[in-house]
Amino acid sequence: MPDFDHPRNYMHAIIESLESEDTEANTRVGTALSLVVPLSLHLSSSHVPTGEVDEFRTRLTRLISGEPNFAGLYRYLGDCSDYAELGRLNGYARACLMRSVLQVFDDEFAAWSQAESAVVLEGFSEEIADIDQTLREVSDEAPPVREEEIPNWVPDSHWWWRAPRQQDMSEGERASRLEYDHWDGV
């Protein structure tokens, strides 16, 4: 495993993951997206020339928006949406984490003007809007994510973490929802 003490190592691992022909697109994109938050944190405390970061953004966007990674990106968005749909039960925190990763990717690394097609940005934006709408809809009954469970890198602008309306939900009710198995209702 590479030494991840420097942002360049994260950038290299992300590109290498997206270029790999040994794994499925879902796995490639999932691996790449799992590294964007640590990369973002490292970039904020390290000096990497702006041109190098811009080149990385362009390459990342071209790779993730082209086939076959395009399908992996939409699978990741679909998985986030599925977790959001389960938000009244045990999917809310996972949906929040995935949604925050997508936001960091979009804010800091996506160079949409370099995408293989404008359709990718349109589809990405539509999926994000749908996920956000679902998170708003389920927040009326979603088990709250306790403040100490929210990753410390999450900015206040990621409203979805604090959106559940029942912040005073009892621990018993919260536990029963979080431990819910969808087969319980069958």
C-alpha atoms as a PDB file:
ATOM      1  CA  MET A   1       0.000   0.000   0.000  1.00  0.00           C
ATOM      2  CA  PRO A   2       1.357   3.427  -0.896  1.00  0.00           C
ATOM      3  CA  ASP A   3       2.468   5.890   1.754  1.00  0.00           C
ATOM      4  CA  PHE A   4      -0.361   8.424   2.057  1.00  0.00           C
ATOM      5  CA  ASP A   5       1.637  11.132   3.820  1.00  0.00           C
ATOM      6  CA  HIS A   6       1.534  13.410   0.806  1.00  0.00           C
ATOM      7  CA  PRO A   7      -1.403  14.568  -1.367  1.00  0.00           C
ATOM      8  CA  ARG A   8       0.352  13.414  -4.544  1.00  0.00           C
ATOM      9  CA  ASN A   9       0.073   9.837  -3.297  1.00  0.00           C
ATOM     10  CA  TYR A  10      -3.700  10.218  -2.926  1.00  0.00           C
ATOM     11  CA  MET A  11      -3.942  11.775  -6.369  1.00  0.00           C
ATOM     12  CA  HIS A  12      -1.908   8.934  -7.848  1.00  0.00           C
ATOM     13  CA  ALA A  13      -4.037   6.287  -6.082  1.00  0.00           C
ATOM     14  CA  ILE A  14      -7.270   7.886  -7.306  1.00  0.00           C
ATOM     15  CA  ILE A  15      -6.102   8.015 -10.914  1.00  0.00           C
ATOM     16  CA  GLU A  16      -4.647   4.517 -10.709  1.00  0.00           C
ATOM     17  CA  SER A  17      -7.942   3.201  -9.356  1.00  0.00           C
ATOM     18  CA  LEU A  18      -9.951   4.787 -12.176  1.00  0.00           C
ATOM     19  CA  GLU A  19      -7.538   3.503 -14.814  1.00  0.00           C
ATOM     20  CA  SER A  20      -7.486  -0.056 -13.474  1.00  0.00           C
ATOM     21  CA  GLU A  21      -8.851  -2.667 -15.801  1.00  0.00           C
ATOM     22  CA  ASP A  22      -8.687  -5.361 -13.123  1.00  0.00           C
ATOM     23  CA  THR A  23     -11.789  -4.241 -11.229  1.00  0.00           C
ATOM     24  CA  GLU A  24     -15.386  -3.338 -12.018  1.00  0.00           C
ATOM     25  CA  ALA A  25     -16.366   0.303 -12.546  1.00  0.00           C
ATOM     26  CA  ASN A  26     -18.361   0.332  -9.286  1.00  0.00           C
ATOM     27  CA  THR A  27     -15.299  -0.720  -7.317  1.00  0.00           C
ATOM     28  CA  ARG A  28     -12.973   1.670  -9.165  1.00  0.00           C
ATOM     29  CA  VAL A  29     -15.210   4.670  -8.572  1.00  0.00           C
ATOM     30  CA  GLY A  30     -15.971   3.676  -4.971  1.00  0.00           C
ATOM     31  CA  THR A  31     -12.259   3.432  -4.238  1.00  0.00           C
ATOM     32  CA  ALA A  32     -11.540   6.770  -5.929  1.00  0.00           C
ATOM     33  CA  LEU A  33     -14.342   8.559  -4.086  1.00  0.00           C
ATOM     34  CA  SER A  34     -13.261   7.061  -0.761  1.00  0.00           C
ATOM     35  CA  LEU A  35      -9.972   8.922  -1.185  1.00  0.00           C
ATOM     36  CA  VAL A  36     -11.303  12.408  -2.055  1.00  0.00           C
ATOM     37  CA  VAL A  37     -11.956  13.458   1.549  1.00  0.00           C
ATOM     38  CA  PRO A  38      -8.495  12.492   2.844  1.00  0.00           C
ATOM     39  CA  LEU A  39      -6.987  14.136  -0.248  1.00  0.00           C
ATOM     40  CA  SER A  40      -8.950  17.315   0.442  1.00  0.00           C
ATOM     41  CA  LEU A  41      -7.751  17.356   4.045  1.00  0.00           C
ATOM     42  CA  HIS A  42      -4.132  16.809   2.981  1.00  0.00           C
ATOM     43  CA  LEU A  43      -4.305  19.498   0.315  1.00  0.00           C
ATOM     44  CA  SER A  44      -5.488  22.032   2.876  1.00  0.00           C
ATOM     45  CA  SER A  45      -2.350  21.479   4.943  1.00  0.00           C
ATOM     46  CA  SER A  46       0.244  20.850   2.202  1.00  0.00           C
ATOM     47  CA  HIS A  47       1.594  22.823  -0.670  1.00  0.00           C
ATOM     48  CA  VAL A  48       0.991  21.292  -4.052  1.00  0.00           C
ATOM     49  CA  PRO A  49       1.335  23.630  -7.034  1.00  0.00           C
ATOM     50  CA  THR A  50      -2.021  24.855  -8.330  1.00  0.00           C
ATOM     51  CA  GLY A  51      -1.206  23.662 -11.837  1.00  0.00           C
ATOM     52  CA  GLU A  52      -0.596  20.140 -10.587  1.00  0.00           C
ATOM     53  CA  VAL A  53      -3.919  20.097  -8.732  1.00  0.00           C
ATOM     54  CA  ASP A  54      -5.720  21.515 -11.785  1.00  0.00           C
ATOM     55  CA  GLU A  55      -4.168  18.829 -13.981  1.00  0.00           C
ATOM     56  CA  PHE A  56      -5.330  16.189 -11.486  1.00  0.00           C
ATOM     57  CA  ARG A  57      -8.881  17.600 -11.494  1.00  0.00           C
ATOM     58  CA  THR A  58      -9.013  17.507 -15.269  1.00  0.00           C
ATOM     59  CA  ARG A  59      -7.735  13.948 -15.444  1.00  0.00           C
ATOM     60  CA  LEU A  60     -10.046  12.785 -12.632  1.00  0.00           C
ATOM     61  CA  THR A  61     -13.087  14.353 -14.272  1.00  0.00           C
ATOM     62  CA  ARG A  62     -12.283  12.894 -17.678  1.00  0.00           C
ATOM     63  CA  LEU A  63     -11.757   9.440 -16.193  1.00  0.00           C
ATOM     64  CA  ILE A  64     -14.830   9.415 -13.958  1.00  0.00           C
ATOM     65  CA  SER A  65     -17.100  10.839 -16.664  1.00  0.00           C
ATOM     66  CA  GLY A  66     -15.987   8.421 -19.377  1.00  0.00           C
ATOM     67  CA  GLU A  67     -16.915   4.823 -19.936  1.00  0.00           C
ATOM     68  CA  PRO A  68     -16.844   2.558 -18.030  1.00  0.00           C
ATOM     69  CA  ASN A  69     -16.366   4.716 -14.898  1.00  0.00           C
ATOM     70  CA  PHE A  70     -19.425   6.788 -15.759  1.00  0.00           C
ATOM     71  CA  ALA A  71     -21.555   3.749 -14.865  1.00  0.00           C
ATOM     72  CA  GLY A  72     -19.678   3.379 -11.568  1.00  0.00           C
ATOM     73  CA  LEU A  73     -20.347   7.018 -10.680  1.00  0.00           C
ATOM     74  CA  TYR A  74     -24.060   6.536 -11.286  1.00  0.00           C
ATOM     75  CA  ARG A  75     -24.020   3.357  -9.247  1.00  0.00           C
ATOM     76  CA  TYR A  76     -22.482   5.292  -6.336  1.00  0.00           C
ATOM     77  CA  LEU A  77     -25.167   7.977  -6.711  1.00  0.00           C
ATOM     78  CA  GLY A  78     -27.814   5.236  -6.851  1.00  0.00           C
ATOM     79  CA  ASP A  79     -26.458   3.590  -3.705  1.00  0.00           C
ATOM     80  CA  CYS A  80     -26.532   6.948  -1.915  1.00  0.00           C
ATOM     81  CA  SER A  81     -30.127   7.398  -3.057  1.00  0.00           C
ATOM     82  CA  ASP A  82     -31.033   3.908  -1.827  1.00  0.00           C
ATOM     83  CA  TYR A  83     -29.586   4.670   1.615  1.00  0.00           C
ATOM     84  CA  ALA A  84     -31.470   7.963   1.667  1.00  0.00           C
ATOM     85  CA  GLU A  85     -34.693   6.051   0.934  1.00  0.00           C
ATOM     86  CA  LEU A  86     -33.960   3.952   4.032  1.00  0.00           C
ATOM     87  CA  GLY A  87     -33.409   7.141   6.009  1.00  0.00           C
ATOM     88  CA  ARG A  88     -36.397   6.710   8.310  1.00  0.00           C
ATOM     89  CA  LEU A  89     -34.765   3.506   9.458  1.00  0.00           C
ATOM     90  CA  ASN A  90     -31.095   2.600   9.248  1.00  0.00           C
ATOM     91  CA  GLY A  91     -29.858   4.305   6.073  1.00  0.00           C
ATOM     92  CA  TYR A  92     -29.677   7.952   7.062  1.00  0.00           C
ATOM     93  CA  ALA A  93     -26.116   8.168   8.426  1.00  0.00           C
ATOM     94  CA  ARG A  94     -24.706   6.151   5.507  1.00  0.00           C
ATOM     95  CA  ALA A  95     -26.560   8.384   3.030  1.00  0.00           C
ATOM     96  CA  CYS A  96     -25.134  11.451   4.788  1.00  0.00           C
ATOM     97  CA  LEU A  97     -21.597  10.135   4.542  1.00  0.00           C
ATOM     98  CA  MET A  98     -21.935   9.305   0.858  1.00  0.00           C
ATOM     99  CA  ARG A  99     -23.629  12.639   0.176  1.00  0.00           C
ATOM    100  CA  SER A 100     -20.772  14.498   1.897  1.00  0.00           C
ATOM    101  CA  VAL A 101     -18.196  12.589  -0.150  1.00  0.00           C
ATOM    102  CA  LEU A 102     -20.096  13.545  -3.311  1.00  0.00           C
ATOM    103  CA  GLN A 103     -20.149  17.180  -2.195  1.00  0.00           C
ATOM    104  CA  VAL A 104     -16.405  17.244  -1.536  1.00  0.00           C
ATOM    105  CA  PHE A 105     -15.840  15.637  -4.940  1.00  0.00           C
ATOM    106  CA  ASP A 106     -18.101  18.179  -6.648  1.00  0.00           C
ATOM    107  CA  ASP A 107     -16.799  21.243  -4.784  1.00  0.00           C
ATOM    108  CA  GLU A 108     -13.105  20.495  -4.836  1.00  0.00           C
ATOM    109  CA  PHE A 109     -12.272  18.045  -7.584  1.00  0.00           C
ATOM    110  CA  ALA A 110     -14.845  17.930 -10.360  1.00  0.00           C
ATOM    111  CA  ALA A 111     -13.815  20.009 -13.372  1.00  0.00           C
ATOM    112  CA  TRP A 112     -17.121  19.540 -15.143  1.00  0.00           C
ATOM    113  CA  SER A 113     -16.041  21.593 -18.164  1.00  0.00           C
ATOM    114  CA  GLN A 114     -13.572  18.763 -18.836  1.00  0.00           C
ATOM    115  CA  ALA A 115     -16.168  15.974 -18.619  1.00  0.00           C
ATOM    116  CA  GLU A 116     -16.553  13.576 -21.503  1.00  0.00           C
ATOM    117  CA  SER A 117     -20.106  14.884 -22.012  1.00  0.00           C
ATOM    118  CA  ALA A 118     -22.332  17.635 -20.623  1.00  0.00           C
ATOM    119  CA  VAL A 119     -24.864  14.877 -19.938  1.00  0.00           C
ATOM    120  CA  VAL A 120     -22.665  13.674 -17.069  1.00  0.00           C
ATOM    121  CA  LEU A 121     -22.977  16.974 -15.178  1.00  0.00           C
ATOM    122  CA  GLU A 122     -26.703  17.164 -15.880  1.00  0.00           C
ATOM    123  CA  GLY A 123     -27.224  13.624 -14.621  1.00  0.00           C
ATOM    124  CA  PHE A 124     -24.996  14.193 -11.596  1.00  0.00           C
ATOM    125  CA  SER A 125     -26.844  17.402 -10.682  1.00  0.00           C
ATOM    126  CA  GLU A 126     -30.243  15.752 -11.091  1.00  0.00           C
ATOM    127  CA  GLU A 127     -29.231  12.786  -8.939  1.00  0.00           C
ATOM    128  CA  ILE A 128     -27.858  15.100  -6.221  1.00  0.00           C
ATOM    129  CA  ALA A 129     -31.109  17.093  -6.259  1.00  0.00           C
ATOM    130  CA  ASP A 130     -33.120  13.855  -5.942  1.00  0.00           C
ATOM    131  CA  ILE A 131     -30.942  12.621  -3.059  1.00  0.00           C
ATOM    132  CA  ASP A 132     -31.308  15.959  -1.270  1.00  0.00           C
ATOM    133  CA  GLN A 133     -35.069  15.885  -1.739  1.00  0.00           C
ATOM    134  CA  THR A 134     -35.240  12.362  -0.325  1.00  0.00           C
ATOM    135  CA  LEU A 135     -33.093  13.345   2.671  1.00  0.00           C
ATOM    136  CA  ARG A 136     -35.452  16.270   3.342  1.00  0.00           C
ATOM    137  CA  GLU A 137     -38.508  14.013   3.052  1.00  0.00           C
ATOM    138  CA  VAL A 138     -37.201  11.322   5.389  1.00  0.00           C
ATOM    139  CA  SER A 139     -35.792  13.801   7.912  1.00  0.00           C
ATOM    140  CA  ASP A 140     -39.213  14.028   9.586  1.00  0.00           C
ATOM    141  CA  GLU A 141     -38.710  10.531  11.046  1.00  0.00           C
ATOM    142  CA  ALA A 142     -35.013   9.777  10.525  1.00  0.00           C
ATOM    143  CA  PRO A 143     -33.031   8.732  13.580  1.00  0.00           C
ATOM    144  CA  PRO A 144     -30.733  11.645  14.364  1.00  0.00           C
ATOM    145  CA  VAL A 145     -27.017  11.359  13.820  1.00  0.00           C
ATOM    146  CA  ARG A 146     -25.517  12.339  17.161  1.00  0.00           C
ATOM    147  CA  GLU A 147     -23.044  15.206  17.024  1.00  0.00           C
ATOM    148  CA  GLU A 148     -20.163  12.988  18.155  1.00  0.00           C
ATOM    149  CA  GLU A 149     -20.918  10.587  15.277  1.00  0.00           C
ATOM    150  CA  ILE A 150     -20.560  13.274  12.599  1.00  0.00           C
ATOM    151  CA  PRO A 151     -17.051  13.151  11.115  1.00  0.00           C
ATOM    152  CA  ASN A 152     -14.986  16.134  12.213  1.00  0.00           C
ATOM    153  CA  TRP A 153     -14.184  17.079   8.611  1.00  0.00           C
ATOM    154  CA  VAL A 154     -17.855  17.707   7.755  1.00  0.00           C
ATOM    155  CA  PRO A 155     -18.532  21.442   7.344  1.00  0.00           C
ATOM    156  CA  ASP A 156     -21.711  23.066   8.636  1.00  0.00           C
ATOM    157  CA  SER A 157     -22.826  23.560   5.031  1.00  0.00           C
ATOM    158  CA  HIS A 158     -23.528  19.812   4.838  1.00  0.00           C
ATOM    159  CA  TRP A 159     -26.999  20.383   6.270  1.00  0.00           C
ATOM    160  CA  TRP A 160     -28.173  16.787   5.816  1.00  0.00           C
ATOM    161  CA  TRP A 161     -26.274  15.570   8.895  1.00  0.00           C
ATOM    162  CA  ARG A 162     -28.359  17.758  11.197  1.00  0.00           C
ATOM    163  CA  ALA A 163     -31.637  17.648   9.255  1.00  0.00           C
ATOM    164  CA  PRO A 164     -33.541  14.970  11.234  1.00  0.00           C
ATOM    165  CA  ARG A 165     -36.342  16.798  13.032  1.00  0.00           C
ATOM    166  CA  GLN A 166     -36.503  14.436  15.989  1.00  0.00           C
ATOM    167  CA  GLN A 167     -33.163  15.360  17.538  1.00  0.00           C
ATOM    168  CA  ASP A 168     -34.632  14.409  20.917  1.00  0.00           C
ATOM    169  CA  MET A 169     -35.493  10.849  19.810  1.00  0.00           C
ATOM    170  CA  SER A 170     -34.945   8.453  22.695  1.00  0.00           C
ATOM    171  CA  GLU A 171     -31.964   6.135  22.502  1.00  0.00           C
ATOM    172  CA  GLY A 172     -34.353   3.156  22.559  1.00  0.00           C
ATOM    173  CA  GLU A 173     -36.338   4.424  19.558  1.00  0.00           C
ATOM    174  CA  ARG A 174     -33.136   5.407  17.774  1.00  0.00           C
ATOM    175  CA  ALA A 175     -31.596   1.961  18.396  1.00  0.00           C
ATOM    176  CA  SER A 176     -34.724   0.146  17.174  1.00  0.00           C
ATOM    177  CA  ARG A 177     -34.624   2.111  13.927  1.00  0.00           C
ATOM    178  CA  LEU A 178     -30.893   1.715  13.430  1.00  0.00           C
ATOM    179  CA  GLU A 179     -31.083  -2.023  14.097  1.00  0.00           C
ATOM    180  CA  TYR A 180     -34.121  -2.464  11.876  1.00  0.00           C
ATOM    181  CA  ASP A 181     -33.910  -5.328   9.449  1.00  0.00           C
ATOM    182  CA  HIS A 182     -36.133  -4.874   6.412  1.00  0.00           C
ATOM    183  CA  TRP A 183     -37.299  -8.448   6.816  1.00  0.00           C
ATOM    184  CA  ASP A 184     -38.894  -7.580  10.180  1.00  0.00           C
ATOM    185  CA  GLY A 185     -41.961  -6.334   8.338  1.00  0.00           C
ATOM    186  CA  VAL A 186     -42.370  -9.481   6.241  1.00  0.00           C
END
